[in-house]
């Protein structure tokens, strides 16, 4: 996108990559202790970066249209994945369960998902895609903290160091790349 690569962006990228690798846990030379969820998160991050760049390049498409497309195609992809005959997915929900959950799903979508996606898509138009990606890595920090609190996942020195590196990357990105910095 013809943006100048600054020294601060380089430092920020090194900090964020170091933080993410630390959170994932580097086992040996070039080996990561990644599971399927970690791999899916990595792929989704790559796809998000591509999507943020495309949003920035398509100013004629409204945020409403982008959110509608996101939910439409995301729902179709989720439906297709849910129909895969994998034992890990379990049984599909019954009609009774869907009927019971529909109001809660609608409330979650309208009260949380749509406003959050609106903010992300709006931000994708206003904020450089590189900066947006670095700042949104804080999601990984929130994820490991909430997994530790609610799912009993480990959170130790390694995760804390990774979280500090990721947060530092965001601080360096914002403060280092200010006009006149």
C-alpha atoms as a PDB file:
ATOM      1  CA  UNK A   1       0.000   0.000   0.000  1.00  0.00           C
ATOM      2  CA  UNK A   2       3.072   2.188  -0.431  1.00  0.00           C
ATOM      3  CA  UNK A   3       3.395   2.940   3.276  1.00  0.00           C
ATOM      4  CA  UNK A   4       6.869   3.740   4.538  1.00  0.00           C
ATOM      5  CA  UNK A   5       8.374   1.022   6.728  1.00  0.00           C
ATOM      6  CA  UNK A   6       9.737   2.836   9.777  1.00  0.00           C
ATOM      7  CA  UNK A   7      12.243   1.773  12.386  1.00  0.00           C
ATOM      8  CA  UNK A   8       9.437   1.897  14.976  1.00  0.00           C
ATOM      9  CA  UNK A   9       7.224  -0.392  12.870  1.00  0.00           C
ATOM     10  CA  UNK A  10      10.125  -2.849  12.655  1.00  0.00           C
ATOM     11  CA  UNK A  11      10.663  -2.780  16.416  1.00  0.00           C
ATOM     12  CA  UNK A  12       6.927  -3.178  16.956  1.00  0.00           C
ATOM     13  CA  UNK A  13       6.764  -6.163  14.607  1.00  0.00           C
ATOM     14  CA  UNK A  14       9.725  -7.812  16.343  1.00  0.00           C
ATOM     15  CA  UNK A  15       8.137  -7.280  19.748  1.00  0.00           C
ATOM     16  CA  UNK A  16       4.750  -8.590  18.617  1.00  0.00           C
ATOM     17  CA  UNK A  17       6.200 -11.649  16.867  1.00  0.00           C
ATOM     18  CA  UNK A  18       8.404 -12.374  19.884  1.00  0.00           C
ATOM     19  CA  UNK A  19       5.406 -12.020  22.174  1.00  0.00           C
ATOM     20  CA  UNK A  20       3.198 -14.312  20.099  1.00  0.00           C
ATOM     21  CA  UNK A  21       5.949 -16.944  19.815  1.00  0.00           C
ATOM     22  CA  UNK A  22       6.539 -16.707  23.562  1.00  0.00           C
ATOM     23  CA  UNK A  23       2.822 -17.167  24.267  1.00  0.00           C
ATOM     24  CA  UNK A  24       2.656 -20.175  21.929  1.00  0.00           C
ATOM     25  CA  UNK A  25       5.830 -21.602  23.450  1.00  0.00           C
ATOM     26  CA  UNK A  26       8.929 -22.195  21.399  1.00  0.00           C
ATOM     27  CA  UNK A  27       9.988 -25.788  22.147  1.00  0.00           C
ATOM     28  CA  UNK A  28      13.272 -26.183  20.251  1.00  0.00           C
ATOM     29  CA  UNK A  29      14.854 -24.791  17.141  1.00  0.00           C
ATOM     30  CA  UNK A  30      11.939 -23.693  14.970  1.00  0.00           C
ATOM     31  CA  UNK A  31       9.451 -25.973  16.722  1.00  0.00           C
ATOM     32  CA  UNK A  32       6.250 -24.669  18.205  1.00  0.00           C
ATOM     33  CA  UNK A  33       3.895 -26.450  20.543  1.00  0.00           C
ATOM     34  CA  UNK A  34       0.898 -25.529  18.392  1.00  0.00           C
ATOM     35  CA  UNK A  35      -2.408 -27.328  18.513  1.00  0.00           C
ATOM     36  CA  UNK A  36      -5.270 -27.137  16.025  1.00  0.00           C
ATOM     37  CA  UNK A  37      -6.735 -24.079  17.762  1.00  0.00           C
ATOM     38  CA  UNK A  38      -3.399 -22.245  17.579  1.00  0.00           C
ATOM     39  CA  UNK A  39      -3.094 -23.088  13.884  1.00  0.00           C
ATOM     40  CA  UNK A  40      -6.637 -21.855  13.240  1.00  0.00           C
ATOM     41  CA  UNK A  41      -5.833 -18.622  15.096  1.00  0.00           C
ATOM     42  CA  UNK A  42      -2.709 -18.129  12.976  1.00  0.00           C
ATOM     43  CA  UNK A  43      -4.627 -18.698   9.737  1.00  0.00           C
ATOM     44  CA  UNK A  44      -7.424 -16.380  10.870  1.00  0.00           C
ATOM     45  CA  UNK A  45      -4.857 -13.676  11.688  1.00  0.00           C
ATOM     46  CA  UNK A  46      -3.381 -13.943   8.204  1.00  0.00           C
ATOM     47  CA  UNK A  47      -6.848 -13.787   6.665  1.00  0.00           C
ATOM     48  CA  UNK A  48      -7.738 -10.821   8.888  1.00  0.00           C
ATOM     49  CA  UNK A  49      -4.632  -8.927   7.723  1.00  0.00           C
ATOM     50  CA  UNK A  50      -5.577  -9.565   4.100  1.00  0.00           C
ATOM     51  CA  UNK A  51      -9.184  -8.534   4.798  1.00  0.00           C
ATOM     52  CA  UNK A  52      -8.121  -5.319   6.558  1.00  0.00           C
ATOM     53  CA  UNK A  53      -6.008  -4.398   3.570  1.00  0.00           C
ATOM     54  CA  UNK A  54      -8.921  -5.071   1.199  1.00  0.00           C
ATOM     55  CA  UNK A  55     -11.326  -3.023   3.361  1.00  0.00           C
ATOM     56  CA  UNK A  56      -8.903  -0.112   3.218  1.00  0.00           C
ATOM     57  CA  UNK A  57      -8.678  -0.440  -0.570  1.00  0.00           C
ATOM     58  CA  UNK A  58     -12.478  -0.493  -1.064  1.00  0.00           C
ATOM     59  CA  UNK A  59     -13.791   2.797   0.364  1.00  0.00           C
ATOM     60  CA  UNK A  60     -16.865   2.682  -1.897  1.00  0.00           C
ATOM     61  CA  UNK A  61     -18.256  -0.319   0.013  1.00  0.00           C
ATOM     62  CA  UNK A  62     -20.136   0.761   3.140  1.00  0.00           C
ATOM     63  CA  UNK A  63     -19.406  -0.646   6.577  1.00  0.00           C
ATOM     64  CA  UNK A  64     -22.989  -1.983   6.647  1.00  0.00           C
ATOM     65  CA  UNK A  65     -22.388  -3.975   3.449  1.00  0.00           C
ATOM     66  CA  UNK A  66     -19.129  -5.342   4.820  1.00  0.00           C
ATOM     67  CA  UNK A  67     -20.742  -6.469   8.070  1.00  0.00           C
ATOM     68  CA  UNK A  68     -23.668  -8.021   6.218  1.00  0.00           C
ATOM     69  CA  UNK A  69     -21.256  -9.935   3.970  1.00  0.00           C
ATOM     70  CA  UNK A  70     -19.193 -10.988   6.994  1.00  0.00           C
ATOM     71  CA  UNK A  71     -22.189 -12.444   8.803  1.00  0.00           C
ATOM     72  CA  UNK A  72     -23.733 -13.988   5.689  1.00  0.00           C
ATOM     73  CA  UNK A  73     -20.590 -15.751   4.459  1.00  0.00           C
ATOM     74  CA  UNK A  74     -19.434 -16.521   7.986  1.00  0.00           C
ATOM     75  CA  UNK A  75     -22.779 -18.185   8.726  1.00  0.00           C
ATOM     76  CA  UNK A  76     -22.593 -20.216   5.525  1.00  0.00           C
ATOM     77  CA  UNK A  77     -19.034 -21.324   6.332  1.00  0.00           C
ATOM     78  CA  UNK A  78     -20.024 -22.222   9.907  1.00  0.00           C
ATOM     79  CA  UNK A  79     -23.006 -24.199   8.644  1.00  0.00           C
ATOM     80  CA  UNK A  80     -20.824 -26.079   6.150  1.00  0.00           C
ATOM     81  CA  UNK A  81     -18.237 -26.857   8.844  1.00  0.00           C
ATOM     82  CA  UNK A  82     -20.914 -27.980  11.301  1.00  0.00           C
ATOM     83  CA  UNK A  83     -22.152 -30.552   8.810  1.00  0.00           C
ATOM     84  CA  UNK A  84     -18.763 -32.248   8.540  1.00  0.00           C
ATOM     85  CA  UNK A  85     -18.958 -35.815   9.869  1.00  0.00           C
ATOM     86  CA  UNK A  86     -16.367 -35.367  12.621  1.00  0.00           C
ATOM     87  CA  UNK A  87     -16.805 -37.018  16.000  1.00  0.00           C
ATOM     88  CA  UNK A  88     -15.197 -34.007  17.703  1.00  0.00           C
ATOM     89  CA  UNK A  89     -18.082 -31.803  16.583  1.00  0.00           C
ATOM     90  CA  UNK A  90     -20.652 -33.950  18.384  1.00  0.00           C
ATOM     91  CA  UNK A  91     -24.291 -34.025  17.418  1.00  0.00           C
ATOM     92  CA  UNK A  92     -25.931 -31.012  15.786  1.00  0.00           C
ATOM     93  CA  UNK A  93     -28.376 -29.168  18.051  1.00  0.00           C
ATOM     94  CA  UNK A  94     -31.995 -30.223  18.002  1.00  0.00           C
ATOM     95  CA  UNK A  95     -34.809 -27.937  16.834  1.00  0.00           C
ATOM     96  CA  UNK A  96     -35.840 -27.487  20.491  1.00  0.00           C
ATOM     97  CA  UNK A  97     -32.333 -26.370  21.442  1.00  0.00           C
ATOM     98  CA  UNK A  98     -32.193 -23.968  18.494  1.00  0.00           C
ATOM     99  CA  UNK A  99     -35.586 -22.530  19.419  1.00  0.00           C
ATOM    100  CA  UNK A 100     -34.459 -22.009  23.009  1.00  0.00           C
ATOM    101  CA  UNK A 101     -31.141 -20.446  22.003  1.00  0.00           C
ATOM    102  CA  UNK A 102     -32.351 -18.218  19.152  1.00  0.00           C
ATOM    103  CA  UNK A 103     -33.325 -15.215  21.336  1.00  0.00           C
ATOM    104  CA  UNK A 104     -29.957 -15.395  23.130  1.00  0.00           C
ATOM    105  CA  UNK A 105     -28.089 -15.683  19.845  1.00  0.00           C
ATOM    106  CA  UNK A 106     -29.993 -12.689  18.445  1.00  0.00           C
ATOM    107  CA  UNK A 107     -29.298 -10.649  21.600  1.00  0.00           C
ATOM    108  CA  UNK A 108     -25.596 -11.552  21.447  1.00  0.00           C
ATOM    109  CA  UNK A 109     -25.427 -10.636  17.767  1.00  0.00           C
ATOM    110  CA  UNK A 110     -27.238  -7.311  18.107  1.00  0.00           C
ATOM    111  CA  UNK A 111     -25.831  -6.294  21.493  1.00  0.00           C
ATOM    112  CA  UNK A 112     -22.240  -7.418  21.058  1.00  0.00           C
ATOM    113  CA  UNK A 113     -21.112  -8.895  17.731  1.00  0.00           C
ATOM    114  CA  UNK A 114     -22.519  -6.276  15.366  1.00  0.00           C
ATOM    115  CA  UNK A 115     -21.199  -3.279  17.364  1.00  0.00           C
ATOM    116  CA  UNK A 116     -17.771  -4.913  17.717  1.00  0.00           C
ATOM    117  CA  UNK A 117     -17.599  -5.778  14.014  1.00  0.00           C
ATOM    118  CA  UNK A 118     -18.785  -2.264  13.132  1.00  0.00           C
ATOM    119  CA  UNK A 119     -15.909  -0.835  15.158  1.00  0.00           C
ATOM    120  CA  UNK A 120     -13.368  -3.184  13.589  1.00  0.00           C
ATOM    121  CA  UNK A 121     -14.532  -2.472  10.045  1.00  0.00           C
ATOM    122  CA  UNK A 122     -14.685   1.262  10.715  1.00  0.00           C
ATOM    123  CA  UNK A 123     -11.201   1.073  12.222  1.00  0.00           C
ATOM    124  CA  UNK A 124      -9.962  -0.846   9.192  1.00  0.00           C
ATOM    125  CA  UNK A 125     -10.880   2.166   7.070  1.00  0.00           C
ATOM    126  CA  UNK A 126      -9.295   4.724   9.388  1.00  0.00           C
ATOM    127  CA  UNK A 127      -6.202   2.949  10.740  1.00  0.00           C
ATOM    128  CA  UNK A 128      -3.268   1.613   8.743  1.00  0.00           C
ATOM    129  CA  UNK A 129      -3.687  -2.202   8.344  1.00  0.00           C
ATOM    130  CA  UNK A 130      -0.260  -2.858   9.878  1.00  0.00           C
ATOM    131  CA  UNK A 131      -1.059  -0.790  12.952  1.00  0.00           C
ATOM    132  CA  UNK A 132      -4.523  -2.341  13.234  1.00  0.00           C
ATOM    133  CA  UNK A 133      -3.052  -5.849  13.169  1.00  0.00           C
ATOM    134  CA  UNK A 134      -0.481  -5.015  15.823  1.00  0.00           C
ATOM    135  CA  UNK A 135      -3.054  -3.356  18.083  1.00  0.00           C
ATOM    136  CA  UNK A 136      -5.540  -6.205  17.697  1.00  0.00           C
ATOM    137  CA  UNK A 137      -2.929  -8.701  18.889  1.00  0.00           C
ATOM    138  CA  UNK A 138      -4.041  -7.629  22.341  1.00  0.00           C
ATOM    139  CA  UNK A 139      -6.864 -10.089  21.637  1.00  0.00           C
ATOM    140  CA  UNK A 140      -4.332 -12.899  22.201  1.00  0.00           C
ATOM    141  CA  UNK A 141      -3.502 -11.446  25.611  1.00  0.00           C
ATOM    142  CA  UNK A 142      -7.188 -11.284  26.515  1.00  0.00           C
ATOM    143  CA  UNK A 143      -7.603 -14.827  25.192  1.00  0.00           C
ATOM    144  CA  UNK A 144      -4.829 -16.360  27.292  1.00  0.00           C
ATOM    145  CA  UNK A 145      -5.983 -14.478  30.389  1.00  0.00           C
ATOM    146  CA  UNK A 146      -9.617 -15.521  29.981  1.00  0.00           C
ATOM    147  CA  UNK A 147      -8.565 -19.125  29.194  1.00  0.00           C
ATOM    148  CA  UNK A 148      -6.566 -19.168  32.420  1.00  0.00           C
ATOM    149  CA  UNK A 149      -9.444 -17.722  34.444  1.00  0.00           C
ATOM    150  CA  UNK A 150     -12.350 -19.664  32.989  1.00  0.00           C
ATOM    151  CA  UNK A 151     -10.905 -22.856  31.472  1.00  0.00           C
ATOM    152  CA  UNK A 152      -8.041 -23.620  33.812  1.00  0.00           C
ATOM    153  CA  UNK A 153      -5.418 -23.179  31.089  1.00  0.00           C
ATOM    154  CA  UNK A 154      -1.882 -22.557  32.335  1.00  0.00           C
ATOM    155  CA  UNK A 155      -0.756 -18.978  32.802  1.00  0.00           C
ATOM    156  CA  UNK A 156       2.783 -18.607  34.025  1.00  0.00           C
ATOM    157  CA  UNK A 157       5.891 -16.565  33.525  1.00  0.00           C
ATOM    158  CA  UNK A 158       6.103 -17.474  29.815  1.00  0.00           C
ATOM    159  CA  UNK A 159       2.575 -16.259  29.090  1.00  0.00           C
ATOM    160  CA  UNK A 160       3.118 -13.117  31.170  1.00  0.00           C
ATOM    161  CA  UNK A 161       6.330 -12.277  29.281  1.00  0.00           C
ATOM    162  CA  UNK A 162       4.552 -12.868  25.962  1.00  0.00           C
ATOM    163  CA  UNK A 163       1.674 -10.632  27.029  1.00  0.00           C
ATOM    164  CA  UNK A 164       4.062  -7.841  28.039  1.00  0.00           C
ATOM    165  CA  UNK A 165       5.861  -8.118  24.669  1.00  0.00           C
ATOM    166  CA  UNK A 166       2.576  -7.920  22.731  1.00  0.00           C
ATOM    167  CA  UNK A 167       1.358  -4.915  24.732  1.00  0.00           C
ATOM    168  CA  UNK A 168       4.783  -3.272  24.313  1.00  0.00           C
ATOM    169  CA  UNK A 169       4.488  -3.752  20.542  1.00  0.00           C
ATOM    170  CA  UNK A 170       1.229  -1.795  20.541  1.00  0.00           C
ATOM    171  CA  UNK A 171       2.733   0.986  22.657  1.00  0.00           C
ATOM    172  CA  UNK A 172       5.819   1.245  20.418  1.00  0.00           C
ATOM    173  CA  UNK A 173       3.629   1.227  17.290  1.00  0.00           C
ATOM    174  CA  UNK A 174       1.423   4.062  18.505  1.00  0.00           C
ATOM    175  CA  UNK A 175       4.006   6.232  20.274  1.00  0.00           C
ATOM    176  CA  UNK A 176       6.879   5.595  17.857  1.00  0.00           C
ATOM    177  CA  UNK A 177       4.933   6.285  14.685  1.00  0.00           C
ATOM    178  CA  UNK A 178       3.316   9.542  15.766  1.00  0.00           C
ATOM    179  CA  UNK A 179       3.853  12.468  13.483  1.00  0.00           C
ATOM    180  CA  UNK A 180       7.142  14.042  14.499  1.00  0.00           C
ATOM    181  CA  UNK A 181       8.281  11.081  16.608  1.00  0.00           C
END
